[in-house]
Every structure is written in structure tokens, then in C-alpha cells.
C-alpha atoms as a PDB file:
ATOM      1  CA  UNK A   1       8.819  12.403  23.789  1.00  0.00           C
ATOM      2  CA  UNK A   2       8.183  15.169  26.158  1.00  0.00           C
ATOM      3  CA  UNK A   3       5.334  13.443  27.803  1.00  0.00           C
ATOM      4  CA  UNK A   4       5.907  10.536  30.474  1.00  0.00           C
ATOM      5  CA  UNK A   5       2.946   7.886  30.170  1.00  0.00           C
ATOM      6  CA  UNK A   6       2.120   5.733  33.196  1.00  0.00           C
ATOM      7  CA  UNK A   7      -0.379   2.712  33.381  1.00  0.00           C
ATOM      8  CA  UNK A   8      -2.831   2.177  36.061  1.00  0.00           C
ATOM      9  CA  UNK A   9      -3.593  -1.560  36.815  1.00  0.00           C
ATOM     10  CA  UNK A  10      -7.267  -2.760  35.765  1.00  0.00           C
ATOM     11  CA  UNK A  11      -7.629  -5.319  37.842  1.00  0.00           C
ATOM     12  CA  UNK A  12     -10.110  -6.327  41.080  1.00  0.00           C
ATOM     13  CA  UNK A  13      -7.405  -7.246  43.363  1.00  0.00           C
ATOM     14  CA  UNK A  14      -5.791  -5.131  46.066  1.00  0.00           C
ATOM     15  CA  UNK A  15      -3.533  -2.840  44.821  1.00  0.00           C
ATOM     16  CA  UNK A  16      -1.702   0.383  46.208  1.00  0.00           C
ATOM     17  CA  UNK A  17       0.232   1.668  43.240  1.00  0.00           C
ATOM     18  CA  UNK A  18       2.427   4.786  44.009  1.00  0.00           C
ATOM     19  CA  UNK A  19       2.101   5.763  40.157  1.00  0.00           C
ATOM     20  CA  UNK A  20       4.311   9.024  40.751  1.00  0.00           C
ATOM     21  CA  UNK A  21       5.956   9.899  43.749  1.00  0.00           C
ATOM     22  CA  UNK A  22       8.190  13.182  43.040  1.00  0.00           C
ATOM     23  CA  UNK A  23       8.890  16.432  44.387  1.00  0.00           C
ATOM     24  CA  UNK A  24       5.796  17.654  42.950  1.00  0.00           C
ATOM     25  CA  UNK A  25       3.357  15.556  44.275  1.00  0.00           C
ATOM     26  CA  UNK A  26       2.421  11.785  45.371  1.00  0.00           C
ATOM     27  CA  UNK A  27      -0.472  10.296  42.835  1.00  0.00           C
ATOM     28  CA  UNK A  28      -1.722   7.162  43.938  1.00  0.00           C
ATOM     29  CA  UNK A  29      -3.856   4.410  42.548  1.00  0.00           C
ATOM     30  CA  UNK A  30      -5.510   2.079  45.155  1.00  0.00           C
ATOM     31  CA  UNK A  31      -8.096  -0.953  44.514  1.00  0.00           C
ATOM     32  CA  UNK A  32      -9.843  -2.654  47.468  1.00  0.00           C
ATOM     33  CA  UNK A  33     -11.988  -5.570  47.259  1.00  0.00           C
ATOM     34  CA  UNK A  34     -14.894  -5.664  49.935  1.00  0.00           C
ATOM     35  CA  UNK A  35     -13.711  -5.753  53.758  1.00  0.00           C
ATOM     36  CA  UNK A  36     -10.274  -4.293  52.485  1.00  0.00           C
ATOM     37  CA  UNK A  37      -8.894  -0.692  53.126  1.00  0.00           C
ATOM     38  CA  UNK A  38      -5.997   1.369  54.859  1.00  0.00           C
ATOM     39  CA  UNK A  39      -4.937   1.114  58.325  1.00  0.00           C
ATOM     40  CA  UNK A  40      -6.383   4.017  60.379  1.00  0.00           C
ATOM     41  CA  UNK A  41      -3.711   6.825  60.443  1.00  0.00           C
ATOM     42  CA  UNK A  42      -2.992  10.534  60.038  1.00  0.00           C
ATOM     43  CA  UNK A  43      -3.024  12.404  56.888  1.00  0.00           C
ATOM     44  CA  UNK A  44       0.632  13.466  56.011  1.00  0.00           C
ATOM     45  CA  UNK A  45      -0.292  16.183  53.659  1.00  0.00           C
ATOM     46  CA  UNK A  46      -3.538  17.620  52.250  1.00  0.00           C
ATOM     47  CA  UNK A  47      -5.331  14.359  50.280  1.00  0.00           C
ATOM     48  CA  UNK A  48      -7.257  14.852  47.224  1.00  0.00           C
ATOM     49  CA  UNK A  49      -9.426  11.410  46.827  1.00  0.00           C
ATOM     50  CA  UNK A  50     -11.334  10.620  44.098  1.00  0.00           C
ATOM     51  CA  UNK A  51     -13.854   7.665  43.593  1.00  0.00           C
ATOM     52  CA  UNK A  52     -13.205   6.114  40.078  1.00  0.00           C
ATOM     53  CA  UNK A  53     -15.640   3.012  40.709  1.00  0.00           C
ATOM     54  CA  UNK A  54     -17.332   1.596  43.646  1.00  0.00           C
ATOM     55  CA  UNK A  55     -18.526   2.964  47.144  1.00  0.00           C
ATOM     56  CA  UNK A  56     -15.876   4.429  49.528  1.00  0.00           C
ATOM     57  CA  UNK A  57     -16.438   4.361  53.437  1.00  0.00           C
ATOM     58  CA  UNK A  58     -14.334   6.405  55.512  1.00  0.00           C
ATOM     59  CA  UNK A  59     -14.216   7.648  59.120  1.00  0.00           C
ATOM     60  CA  UNK A  60     -12.586  11.062  59.472  1.00  0.00           C
ATOM     61  CA  UNK A  61     -11.216  11.825  63.047  1.00  0.00           C
ATOM     62  CA  UNK A  62     -14.426  10.766  65.389  1.00  0.00           C
ATOM     63  CA  UNK A  63     -17.105  11.410  62.967  1.00  0.00           C
ATOM     64  CA  UNK A  64     -19.495   8.632  61.984  1.00  0.00           C
ATOM     65  CA  UNK A  65     -18.293   6.673  58.498  1.00  0.00           C
ATOM     66  CA  UNK A  66     -19.724   8.451  55.376  1.00  0.00           C
ATOM     67  CA  UNK A  67     -19.992   6.812  52.277  1.00  0.00           C
ATOM     68  CA  UNK A  68     -18.830   8.581  48.628  1.00  0.00           C
ATOM     69  CA  UNK A  69     -20.071   6.904  45.279  1.00  0.00           C
ATOM     70  CA  UNK A  70     -18.322   6.854  41.970  1.00  0.00           C
ATOM     71  CA  UNK A  71     -17.503  10.508  40.690  1.00  0.00           C
ATOM     72  CA  UNK A  72     -17.102  11.990  44.130  1.00  0.00           C
ATOM     73  CA  UNK A  73     -13.685  14.004  44.940  1.00  0.00           C
ATOM     74  CA  UNK A  74     -12.769  14.602  48.441  1.00  0.00           C
ATOM     75  CA  UNK A  75     -10.466  17.161  50.449  1.00  0.00           C
ATOM     76  CA  UNK A  76      -8.953  15.970  53.520  1.00  0.00           C
ATOM     77  CA  UNK A  77      -6.764  18.442  55.419  1.00  0.00           C
ATOM     78  CA  UNK A  78      -3.279  17.436  56.428  1.00  0.00           C
ATOM     79  CA  UNK A  79      -2.954  15.837  60.139  1.00  0.00           C
ATOM     80  CA  UNK A  80      -6.638  14.304  59.635  1.00  0.00           C
ATOM     81  CA  UNK A  81      -7.184  10.988  61.340  1.00  0.00           C
ATOM     82  CA  UNK A  82      -8.345   8.794  58.306  1.00  0.00           C
ATOM     83  CA  UNK A  83     -10.025   5.163  58.431  1.00  0.00           C
ATOM     84  CA  UNK A  84     -10.572   4.041  54.514  1.00  0.00           C
ATOM     85  CA  UNK A  85     -12.676   1.096  53.901  1.00  0.00           C
ATOM     86  CA  UNK A  86     -14.798  -0.767  51.259  1.00  0.00           C
ATOM     87  CA  UNK A  87     -17.437  -2.202  52.978  1.00  0.00           C
ATOM     88  CA  UNK A  88     -19.400  -3.222  49.956  1.00  0.00           C
ATOM     89  CA  UNK A  89     -19.730  -5.815  47.267  1.00  0.00           C
ATOM     90  CA  UNK A  90     -18.505  -3.930  44.582  1.00  0.00           C
ATOM     91  CA  UNK A  91     -14.782  -3.269  43.936  1.00  0.00           C
ATOM     92  CA  UNK A  92     -13.665   0.109  45.389  1.00  0.00           C
ATOM     93  CA  UNK A  93     -11.126   2.074  43.037  1.00  0.00           C
ATOM     94  CA  UNK A  94      -9.524   5.458  44.383  1.00  0.00           C
ATOM     95  CA  UNK A  95      -7.041   8.118  43.060  1.00  0.00           C
ATOM     96  CA  UNK A  96      -5.078   9.441  45.743  1.00  0.00           C
ATOM     97  CA  UNK A  97      -3.350  12.793  45.216  1.00  0.00           C
ATOM     98  CA  UNK A  98      -1.268  14.241  47.830  1.00  0.00           C
ATOM     99  CA  UNK A  99      -0.110  17.930  47.748  1.00  0.00           C
ATOM    100  CA  UNK A 100       2.171  19.202  48.806  1.00  0.00           C
ATOM    101  CA  UNK A 101       4.698  16.105  48.914  1.00  0.00           C
ATOM    102  CA  UNK A 102       4.739  14.961  52.300  1.00  0.00           C
ATOM    103  CA  UNK A 103       7.847  15.990  54.316  1.00  0.00           C
ATOM    104  CA  UNK A 104      10.202  13.141  55.659  1.00  0.00           C
END
């Protein structure tokens, strides 16, 4: 087989899956219930974040929190302060791609 197959969880429970973590890119699958998210942090690469379901509430740098619905793709630059949350009843599901691969 030439291709490699990956399976993403199909849950409503919190998950942060490191699906692909290689020298080319980091591909993560994340699921958050209401009130869950990531701790505030600086992006360690360019981040491409796709909302698969639900509504993303995200604060970048000192901006107010912005909300993005299903089908939205965000490009977040390297070294941007991020605060990722689900502030809604519907489960939030994200695909996060980091490229180039973070150093260190």
C-alpha cells in the first residue's frame, strides 16, 4: 500500500489528537465541549485552523474574542498569542495544521 490511512475520533468528548507529527507538518484533530479549550499560548508556527463543526471562540493578541462557524479556515501567524475556546452548547471540532513544523 502506498498511502497511509489515519482515523479521526468521532466523539463528543474532549480530544486533542496528534494525527500526523512528522518532518513535513503537524496535523491535529481537536474536540471541545462547552467551556473547554486550550490554555492561552503563543503559536509556535503558522497555524491553519479549520472549524469542522460548532463555533470557535478565539482571542488573538489583545483583540476581542471573535467567533467563527463551521467551514471557516483561519490562518494565524507564527508567535501570535492565542486563546481557543468553545463557549457554545454545540461541540466544537477543529483541524489544526502547523507548517512549517515547529522547531524544538
